[in-house]
Amino acid sequence: MVVHVQEGLLTPHGASPGAAERVLIATAVPVERDAVAAALPAGSLLDVVAVGVGPGAAAAGTATALARAEAAGRPYGLVVSAGIGGGFPPDAPVGSLVVADAVTAADLGAETPEGFRPVTELGFGAVTHRPPPSLVRELADACGAATGAVLTVSTVTGSAERAAELRLRHPGALAEAMEGFGVAEAAVLHGVPVAEVRAVSNPVGPRDRAAWRIGDALAALGGAFGKFTPVLESWNTHDSHDPRERRRA
């Protein structure tokens, strides 16, 4: 189901009264939303909304969707941040899929004479949210995805030097995007587990639009969600309230 955000209103299309807990899939832009929605079977418990580009817009859009669903008495039991993104070669080549085992804000902190310090070292907040491990495994198995950290950045990497710096600070990182941490912050504030899935459209590094494969990545994203539906719905039903499956760092 596509959920449209227009003039401050969430208008669900095809919702059925009294439905079980649902899954909210948050993409950045409509083209990602449409790629996911086209792969979902009719009557699924998965709703898809485009929440905006960047962590701030993603957090606000996701929080709005969660709050309005709760107010309507039809809360979501799981949130998935989904879309295309950059992959760190050679581990996440163009066209591949990554399921996040950590959703990390890579540039939330301060520059110091000794180098970058994450906001947690300054005594504030969080920089990583960890999706439920069982869900990560099941999603990765369903589509043959790699698992690793997905970095959230406010500025997309455009140089080899920046890519190397990020990989040095985050050795387990496989991909970068701009929304995952914002989606996760909103989900955590509402007490809802979160996951993140990225289809790789370009290598992280020097900006080279000729190397981008956006169409291929969108096709891979849709193909993945065609396989995810039973996993997401069954996991949501059985495991979404297990406190052992929620971690925050």
C-alpha atoms as a PDB file:
ATOM      1  CA  MET A   1       0.000   0.000   0.000  1.00  0.00           C
ATOM      2  CA  VAL A   2       1.265   3.498  -0.855  1.00  0.00           C
ATOM      3  CA  VAL A   3       0.698   6.151   1.802  1.00  0.00           C
ATOM      4  CA  HIS A   4       0.616   9.662   0.363  1.00  0.00           C
ATOM      5  CA  VAL A   5       1.793  12.629   2.420  1.00  0.00           C
ATOM      6  CA  GLN A   6       0.032  15.718   1.066  1.00  0.00           C
ATOM      7  CA  GLU A   7      -0.743  19.020   2.746  1.00  0.00           C
ATOM      8  CA  GLY A   8       0.084  17.557   6.141  1.00  0.00           C
ATOM      9  CA  LEU A   9      -2.269  14.597   5.785  1.00  0.00           C
ATOM     10  CA  LEU A  10      -1.568  10.887   5.559  1.00  0.00           C
ATOM     11  CA  THR A  11      -4.123   9.260   3.279  1.00  0.00           C
ATOM     12  CA  PRO A  12      -3.964   5.462   3.168  1.00  0.00           C
ATOM     13  CA  HIS A  13      -5.242   3.769   0.015  1.00  0.00           C
ATOM     14  CA  GLY A  14      -6.764   0.311   0.405  1.00  0.00           C
ATOM     15  CA  ALA A  15      -6.517   0.061   4.207  1.00  0.00           C
ATOM     16  CA  SER A  16      -8.751  -2.492   5.869  1.00  0.00           C
ATOM     17  CA  PRO A  17     -10.320  -1.760   9.271  1.00  0.00           C
ATOM     18  CA  GLY A  18      -9.137  -3.872  12.170  1.00  0.00           C
ATOM     19  CA  ALA A  19      -5.931  -4.960  10.439  1.00  0.00           C
ATOM     20  CA  ALA A  20      -3.132  -6.526  12.463  1.00  0.00           C
ATOM     21  CA  GLU A  21       0.086  -4.656  13.237  1.00  0.00           C
ATOM     22  CA  ARG A  22       1.517  -3.249  10.062  1.00  0.00           C
ATOM     23  CA  VAL A  23       4.977  -2.523   8.697  1.00  0.00           C
ATOM     24  CA  LEU A  24       5.958   0.984   7.614  1.00  0.00           C
ATOM     25  CA  ILE A  25       8.510   1.203   4.799  1.00  0.00           C
ATOM     26  CA  ALA A  26      10.112   4.658   4.585  1.00  0.00           C
ATOM     27  CA  THR A  27      11.884   5.696   1.391  1.00  0.00           C
ATOM     28  CA  ALA A  28      13.420   9.056   0.570  1.00  0.00           C
ATOM     29  CA  VAL A  29      11.777   9.830  -2.767  1.00  0.00           C
ATOM     30  CA  PRO A  30       8.699   8.715  -4.724  1.00  0.00           C
ATOM     31  CA  VAL A  31      10.641   6.704  -7.312  1.00  0.00           C
ATOM     32  CA  GLU A  32      11.974   4.456  -4.519  1.00  0.00           C
ATOM     33  CA  ARG A  33       8.530   4.274  -2.935  1.00  0.00           C
ATOM     34  CA  ASP A  34       6.990   3.216  -6.229  1.00  0.00           C
ATOM     35  CA  ALA A  35       9.639   0.549  -6.859  1.00  0.00           C
ATOM     36  CA  VAL A  36       8.874  -1.013  -3.485  1.00  0.00           C
ATOM     37  CA  ALA A  37       5.088  -0.639  -3.730  1.00  0.00           C
ATOM     38  CA  ALA A  38       4.982  -2.289  -7.150  1.00  0.00           C
ATOM     39  CA  ALA A  39       6.533  -5.437  -5.679  1.00  0.00           C
ATOM     40  CA  LEU A  40       4.072  -5.823  -2.794  1.00  0.00           C
ATOM     41  CA  PRO A  41       1.138  -8.203  -3.094  1.00  0.00           C
ATOM     42  CA  ALA A  42      -2.379  -6.877  -2.741  1.00  0.00           C
ATOM     43  CA  GLY A  43      -3.608  -6.896   0.822  1.00  0.00           C
ATOM     44  CA  SER A  44      -0.167  -6.998   2.429  1.00  0.00           C
ATOM     45  CA  LEU A  45       0.447  -5.393   5.824  1.00  0.00           C
ATOM     46  CA  LEU A  46       3.233  -3.246   4.365  1.00  0.00           C
ATOM     47  CA  ASP A  47       2.672   0.480   3.786  1.00  0.00           C
ATOM     48  CA  VAL A  48       5.182   2.581   1.837  1.00  0.00           C
ATOM     49  CA  VAL A  49       5.752   6.309   2.289  1.00  0.00           C
ATOM     50  CA  ALA A  50       8.295   8.724   0.818  1.00  0.00           C
ATOM     51  CA  VAL A  51       9.508  10.745   3.805  1.00  0.00           C
ATOM     52  CA  GLY A  52      12.063  13.069   2.179  1.00  0.00           C
ATOM     53  CA  VAL A  53      15.797  13.331   1.575  1.00  0.00           C
ATOM     54  CA  GLY A  54      18.270  13.522   4.457  1.00  0.00           C
ATOM     55  CA  PRO A  55      18.114  12.491   8.105  1.00  0.00           C
ATOM     56  CA  GLY A  56      16.055  15.458   9.272  1.00  0.00           C
ATOM     57  CA  ALA A  57      13.271  15.050   6.723  1.00  0.00           C
ATOM     58  CA  ALA A  58      13.351  11.279   7.195  1.00  0.00           C
ATOM     59  CA  ALA A  59      12.948  11.566  10.959  1.00  0.00           C
ATOM     60  CA  ALA A  60      10.107  14.080  10.669  1.00  0.00           C
ATOM     61  CA  GLY A  61       8.250  12.157   7.965  1.00  0.00           C
ATOM     62  CA  THR A  62       8.599   8.826   9.743  1.00  0.00           C
ATOM     63  CA  ALA A  63       7.530  10.272  13.095  1.00  0.00           C
ATOM     64  CA  THR A  64       4.469  11.820  11.452  1.00  0.00           C
ATOM     65  CA  ALA A  65       3.454   8.511   9.874  1.00  0.00           C
ATOM     66  CA  LEU A  66       3.942   6.638  13.149  1.00  0.00           C
ATOM     67  CA  ALA A  67       2.058   9.205  15.238  1.00  0.00           C
ATOM     68  CA  ARG A  68      -0.918   9.375  12.899  1.00  0.00           C
ATOM     69  CA  ALA A  69      -1.138   5.600  12.676  1.00  0.00           C
ATOM     70  CA  GLU A  70      -1.139   5.399  16.483  1.00  0.00           C
ATOM     71  CA  ALA A  71      -3.797   8.101  16.719  1.00  0.00           C
ATOM     72  CA  ALA A  72      -5.952   6.158  14.255  1.00  0.00           C
ATOM     73  CA  GLY A  73      -5.647   3.036  16.418  1.00  0.00           C
ATOM     74  CA  ARG A  74      -3.657   1.160  13.772  1.00  0.00           C
ATOM     75  CA  PRO A  75      -0.032   1.404  14.934  1.00  0.00           C
ATOM     76  CA  TYR A  76       2.943   0.037  13.076  1.00  0.00           C
ATOM     77  CA  GLY A  77       4.952  -2.787  14.634  1.00  0.00           C
ATOM     78  CA  LEU A  78       8.091  -2.373  12.497  1.00  0.00           C
ATOM     79  CA  VAL A  79       9.744   0.348  10.406  1.00  0.00           C
ATOM     80  CA  VAL A  80      12.053  -0.323   7.457  1.00  0.00           C
ATOM     81  CA  SER A  81      14.227   2.373   5.896  1.00  0.00           C
ATOM     82  CA  ALA A  82      14.614   1.421   2.242  1.00  0.00           C
ATOM     83  CA  GLY A  83      16.106   2.846  -0.919  1.00  0.00           C
ATOM     84  CA  ILE A  84      19.167   3.044  -3.083  1.00  0.00           C
ATOM     85  CA  GLY A  85      22.597   4.138  -1.902  1.00  0.00           C
ATOM     86  CA  GLY A  86      26.320   3.987  -2.390  1.00  0.00           C
ATOM     87  CA  GLY A  87      28.262   0.800  -1.783  1.00  0.00           C
ATOM     88  CA  PHE A  88      31.819   0.465  -0.508  1.00  0.00           C
ATOM     89  CA  PRO A  89      33.797  -1.518  -3.081  1.00  0.00           C
ATOM     90  CA  PRO A  90      34.617  -4.328  -3.374  1.00  0.00           C
ATOM     91  CA  ASP A  91      32.276  -5.630  -0.668  1.00  0.00           C
ATOM     92  CA  ALA A  92      29.064  -4.015  -1.960  1.00  0.00           C
ATOM     93  CA  PRO A  93      29.245  -3.729  -5.760  1.00  0.00           C
ATOM     94  CA  VAL A  94      26.770  -1.822  -7.887  1.00  0.00           C
ATOM     95  CA  GLY A  95      23.524  -3.776  -8.208  1.00  0.00           C
ATOM     96  CA  SER A  96      23.970  -5.669  -4.939  1.00  0.00           C
ATOM     97  CA  LEU A  97      21.794  -5.508  -1.836  1.00  0.00           C
ATOM     98  CA  VAL A  98      22.777  -4.647   1.736  1.00  0.00           C
ATOM     99  CA  VAL A  99      20.752  -5.340   4.874  1.00  0.00           C
ATOM    100  CA  ALA A 100      21.994  -3.220   7.770  1.00  0.00           C
ATOM    101  CA  ASP A 101      23.128  -4.881  10.964  1.00  0.00           C
ATOM    102  CA  ALA A 102      23.874  -1.364  12.255  1.00  0.00           C
ATOM    103  CA  VAL A 103      22.353   1.985  11.263  1.00  0.00           C
ATOM    104  CA  THR A 104      25.049   4.552  12.025  1.00  0.00           C
ATOM    105  CA  ALA A 105      25.186   8.341  11.793  1.00  0.00           C
ATOM    106  CA  ALA A 106      28.648   8.764  10.310  1.00  0.00           C
ATOM    107  CA  ASP A 107      28.986  12.540  10.560  1.00  0.00           C
ATOM    108  CA  LEU A 108      27.070  13.359  13.754  1.00  0.00           C
ATOM    109  CA  GLY A 109      29.684  14.812  16.083  1.00  0.00           C
ATOM    110  CA  ALA A 110      32.504  17.328  16.108  1.00  0.00           C
ATOM    111  CA  GLU A 111      35.797  17.910  14.332  1.00  0.00           C
ATOM    112  CA  THR A 112      38.664  18.302  16.804  1.00  0.00           C
ATOM    113  CA  PRO A 113      42.441  18.755  16.450  1.00  0.00           C
ATOM    114  CA  GLU A 114      42.682  15.004  17.109  1.00  0.00           C
ATOM    115  CA  GLY A 115      40.121  14.192  14.435  1.00  0.00           C
ATOM    116  CA  PHE A 116      36.400  13.458  14.298  1.00  0.00           C
ATOM    117  CA  ARG A 117      34.609  12.637  17.559  1.00  0.00           C
ATOM    118  CA  PRO A 118      31.107  11.142  17.453  1.00  0.00           C
ATOM    119  CA  VAL A 119      28.416  12.846  19.486  1.00  0.00           C
ATOM    120  CA  THR A 120      28.416   9.974  21.995  1.00  0.00           C
ATOM    121  CA  GLU A 121      31.989  10.844  22.970  1.00  0.00           C
ATOM    122  CA  LEU A 122      30.746  14.373  23.686  1.00  0.00           C
ATOM    123  CA  GLY A 123      28.217  12.981  26.129  1.00  0.00           C
ATOM    124  CA  PHE A 124      25.090  13.179  23.993  1.00  0.00           C
ATOM    125  CA  GLY A 125      22.598  10.948  22.255  1.00  0.00           C
ATOM    126  CA  ALA A 126      23.286   7.936  20.089  1.00  0.00           C
ATOM    127  CA  VAL A 127      25.062   7.314  16.795  1.00  0.00           C
ATOM    128  CA  THR A 128      24.029   3.719  16.105  1.00  0.00           C
ATOM    129  CA  HIS A 129      20.795   1.771  16.159  1.00  0.00           C
ATOM    130  CA  ARG A 130      20.965  -2.004  15.724  1.00  0.00           C
ATOM    131  CA  PRO A 131      18.127  -3.812  13.944  1.00  0.00           C
ATOM    132  CA  PRO A 132      16.914  -7.096  15.444  1.00  0.00           C
ATOM    133  CA  PRO A 133      19.538  -9.732  14.525  1.00  0.00           C
ATOM    134  CA  SER A 134      16.958 -12.390  13.664  1.00  0.00           C
ATOM    135  CA  LEU A 135      15.252 -10.029  11.221  1.00  0.00           C
ATOM    136  CA  VAL A 136      18.570  -9.057   9.641  1.00  0.00           C
ATOM    137  CA  ARG A 137      19.390 -12.714   9.033  1.00  0.00           C
ATOM    138  CA  GLU A 138      15.985 -13.546   7.599  1.00  0.00           C
ATOM    139  CA  LEU A 139      15.936 -10.571   5.230  1.00  0.00           C
ATOM    140  CA  ALA A 140      19.465 -11.247   4.015  1.00  0.00           C
ATOM    141  CA  ASP A 141      18.677 -14.919   3.462  1.00  0.00           C
ATOM    142  CA  ALA A 142      15.519 -14.065   1.537  1.00  0.00           C
ATOM    143  CA  CYS A 143      17.323 -12.039  -1.121  1.00  0.00           C
ATOM    144  CA  GLY A 144      20.987 -13.057  -0.869  1.00  0.00           C
ATOM    145  CA  ALA A 145      22.034  -9.681   0.535  1.00  0.00           C
ATOM    146  CA  ALA A 146      25.245  -8.864   2.349  1.00  0.00           C
ATOM    147  CA  THR A 147      24.951  -7.671   5.947  1.00  0.00           C
ATOM    148  CA  GLY A 148      26.940  -4.840   7.479  1.00  0.00           C
ATOM    149  CA  ALA A 149      26.670  -1.283   8.704  1.00  0.00           C
ATOM    150  CA  VAL A 150      24.857   1.274   6.579  1.00  0.00           C
ATOM    151  CA  LEU A 151      26.151   4.778   7.253  1.00  0.00           C
ATOM    152  CA  THR A 152      23.852   7.781   7.281  1.00  0.00           C
ATOM    153  CA  VAL A 153      25.501  10.936   5.974  1.00  0.00           C
ATOM    154  CA  SER A 154      24.203  14.461   5.462  1.00  0.00           C
ATOM    155  CA  THR A 155      26.637  15.009   2.589  1.00  0.00           C
ATOM    156  CA  VAL A 156      27.126  12.210   0.078  1.00  0.00           C
ATOM    157  CA  THR A 157      30.749  11.114  -0.276  1.00  0.00           C
ATOM    158  CA  GLY A 158      32.431  12.514  -3.377  1.00  0.00           C
ATOM    159  CA  SER A 159      36.133  11.712  -3.017  1.00  0.00           C
ATOM    160  CA  ALA A 160      38.406   8.743  -2.489  1.00  0.00           C
ATOM    161  CA  GLU A 161      39.857  10.445   0.597  1.00  0.00           C
ATOM    162  CA  ARG A 162      36.459  10.796   2.266  1.00  0.00           C
ATOM    163  CA  ALA A 163      35.542   7.205   1.388  1.00  0.00           C
ATOM    164  CA  ALA A 164      38.778   5.951   2.942  1.00  0.00           C
ATOM    165  CA  GLU A 165      38.202   8.049   6.069  1.00  0.00           C
ATOM    166  CA  LEU A 166      34.709   6.623   6.538  1.00  0.00           C
ATOM    167  CA  ARG A 167      35.889   3.061   6.007  1.00  0.00           C
ATOM    168  CA  LEU A 168      38.704   3.599   8.515  1.00  0.00           C
ATOM    169  CA  ARG A 169      36.273   4.873  11.161  1.00  0.00           C
ATOM    170  CA  HIS A 170      33.657   2.236  10.307  1.00  0.00           C
ATOM    171  CA  PRO A 171      35.411  -0.954   9.145  1.00  0.00           C
ATOM    172  CA  GLY A 172      32.144  -2.878   9.022  1.00  0.00           C
ATOM    173  CA  ALA A 173      30.402  -0.389   6.740  1.00  0.00           C
ATOM    174  CA  LEU A 174      29.082  -1.688   3.425  1.00  0.00           C
ATOM    175  CA  ALA A 175      26.958   1.229   2.223  1.00  0.00           C
ATOM    176  CA  GLU A 176      26.040   4.854   2.769  1.00  0.00           C
ATOM    177  CA  ALA A 177      22.758   6.690   2.358  1.00  0.00           C
ATOM    178  CA  MET A 178      21.087   9.765   3.815  1.00  0.00           C
ATOM    179  CA  GLU A 179      17.985   8.632   5.693  1.00  0.00           C
ATOM    180  CA  GLY A 180      18.462   5.485   7.772  1.00  0.00           C
ATOM    181  CA  PHE A 181      19.492   7.086  11.047  1.00  0.00           C
ATOM    182  CA  GLY A 182      16.680   9.629  10.874  1.00  0.00           C
ATOM    183  CA  VAL A 183      14.135   6.870  10.301  1.00  0.00           C
ATOM    184  CA  ALA A 184      15.650   4.885  13.162  1.00  0.00           C
ATOM    185  CA  GLU A 185      15.532   7.830  15.581  1.00  0.00           C
ATOM    186  CA  ALA A 186      11.808   8.255  14.916  1.00  0.00           C
ATOM    187  CA  ALA A 187      11.162   4.522  15.281  1.00  0.00           C
ATOM    188  CA  VAL A 188      13.042   4.281  18.568  1.00  0.00           C
ATOM    189  CA  LEU A 189      11.180   7.256  20.033  1.00  0.00           C
ATOM    190  CA  HIS A 190       7.927   5.431  19.230  1.00  0.00           C
ATOM    191  CA  GLY A 191       9.201   2.151  20.663  1.00  0.00           C
ATOM    192  CA  VAL A 192       9.161   0.396  17.292  1.00  0.00           C
ATOM    193  CA  PRO A 193      11.987  -1.815  15.933  1.00  0.00           C
ATOM    194  CA  VAL A 194      13.760  -0.663  12.780  1.00  0.00           C
ATOM    195  CA  ALA A 195      15.588  -2.222   9.834  1.00  0.00           C
ATOM    196  CA  GLU A 196      17.365  -0.788   6.792  1.00  0.00           C
ATOM    197  CA  VAL A 197      17.775  -2.160   3.270  1.00  0.00           C
ATOM    198  CA  ARG A 198      19.819  -0.569   0.482  1.00  0.00           C
ATOM    199  CA  ALA A 199      20.243  -1.445  -3.180  1.00  0.00           C
ATOM    200  CA  VAL A 200      23.624  -0.190  -4.408  1.00  0.00           C
ATOM    201  CA  SER A 201      23.427   2.308  -7.273  1.00  0.00           C
ATOM    202  CA  ASN A 202      27.005   3.620  -7.248  1.00  0.00           C
ATOM    203  CA  PRO A 203      30.376   3.115  -5.586  1.00  0.00           C
ATOM    204  CA  VAL A 204      31.175   5.273  -2.558  1.00  0.00           C
ATOM    205  CA  GLY A 205      34.035   7.511  -3.662  1.00  0.00           C
ATOM    206  CA  PRO A 206      34.725  10.033  -6.433  1.00  0.00           C
ATOM    207  CA  ARG A 207      31.479  11.412  -7.837  1.00  0.00           C
ATOM    208  CA  ASP A 208      31.031   9.912 -11.304  1.00  0.00           C
ATOM    209  CA  ARG A 209      27.475  10.073 -12.610  1.00  0.00           C
ATOM    210  CA  ALA A 210      28.408   7.915 -15.600  1.00  0.00           C
ATOM    211  CA  ALA A 211      29.012   5.047 -13.150  1.00  0.00           C
ATOM    212  CA  TRP A 212      25.592   5.322 -11.511  1.00  0.00           C
ATOM    213  CA  ARG A 213      23.104   2.530 -12.194  1.00  0.00           C
ATOM    214  CA  ILE A 214      19.949   3.928 -10.642  1.00  0.00           C
ATOM    215  CA  GLY A 215      17.572   1.887 -12.786  1.00  0.00           C
ATOM    216  CA  ASP A 216      19.346  -1.353 -11.929  1.00  0.00           C
ATOM    217  CA  ALA A 217      19.343  -0.477  -8.237  1.00  0.00           C
ATOM    218  CA  LEU A 218      15.631   0.325  -8.235  1.00  0.00           C
ATOM    219  CA  ALA A 219      14.932  -2.987  -9.955  1.00  0.00           C
ATOM    220  CA  ALA A 220      17.014  -4.792  -7.319  1.00  0.00           C
ATOM    221  CA  LEU A 221      15.173  -2.922  -4.552  1.00  0.00           C
ATOM    222  CA  GLY A 222      11.779  -3.929  -5.904  1.00  0.00           C
ATOM    223  CA  GLY A 223      12.922  -7.505  -6.404  1.00  0.00           C
ATOM    224  CA  ALA A 224      14.073  -7.689  -2.800  1.00  0.00           C
ATOM    225  CA  PHE A 225      10.749  -6.493  -1.417  1.00  0.00           C
ATOM    226  CA  GLY A 226       8.967  -9.008  -3.580  1.00  0.00           C
ATOM    227  CA  LYS A 227      10.718 -11.623  -1.401  1.00  0.00           C
ATOM    228  CA  PHE A 228      10.541  -9.714   1.884  1.00  0.00           C
ATOM    229  CA  THR A 229       6.790  -9.573   2.404  1.00  0.00           C
ATOM    230  CA  PRO A 230       6.323 -12.948   4.149  1.00  0.00           C
ATOM    231  CA  VAL A 231       9.449 -12.358   6.240  1.00  0.00           C
ATOM    232  CA  LEU A 232       8.362  -8.914   7.388  1.00  0.00           C
ATOM    233  CA  GLU A 233       4.792  -9.877   8.131  1.00  0.00           C
ATOM    234  CA  SER A 234       5.634 -13.076   9.993  1.00  0.00           C
ATOM    235  CA  TRP A 235       8.479 -11.483  11.952  1.00  0.00           C
ATOM    236  CA  ASN A 236       6.278  -8.553  12.894  1.00  0.00           C
ATOM    237  CA  THR A 237       3.615 -10.904  14.195  1.00  0.00           C
ATOM    238  CA  HIS A 238       5.909 -13.048  16.325  1.00  0.00           C
ATOM    239  CA  ASP A 239       8.966 -11.028  17.314  1.00  0.00           C
ATOM    240  CA  SER A 240       8.345  -7.291  17.232  1.00  0.00           C
ATOM    241  CA  HIS A 241       7.827  -6.979  20.980  1.00  0.00           C
ATOM    242  CA  ASP A 242      10.821  -9.016  22.128  1.00  0.00           C
ATOM    243  CA  PRO A 243      12.946  -6.510  24.100  1.00  0.00           C
ATOM    244  CA  ARG A 244      16.053  -8.658  23.565  1.00  0.00           C
ATOM    245  CA  GLU A 245      15.849  -7.765  19.870  1.00  0.00           C
ATOM    246  CA  ARG A 246      16.254  -4.025  20.447  1.00  0.00           C
ATOM    247  CA  ARG A 247      19.610  -2.384  20.916  1.00  0.00           C
ATOM    248  CA  ARG A 248      20.806   1.193  20.866  1.00  0.00           C
ATOM    249  CA  ALA A 249      24.363   2.550  21.040  1.00  0.00           C
END
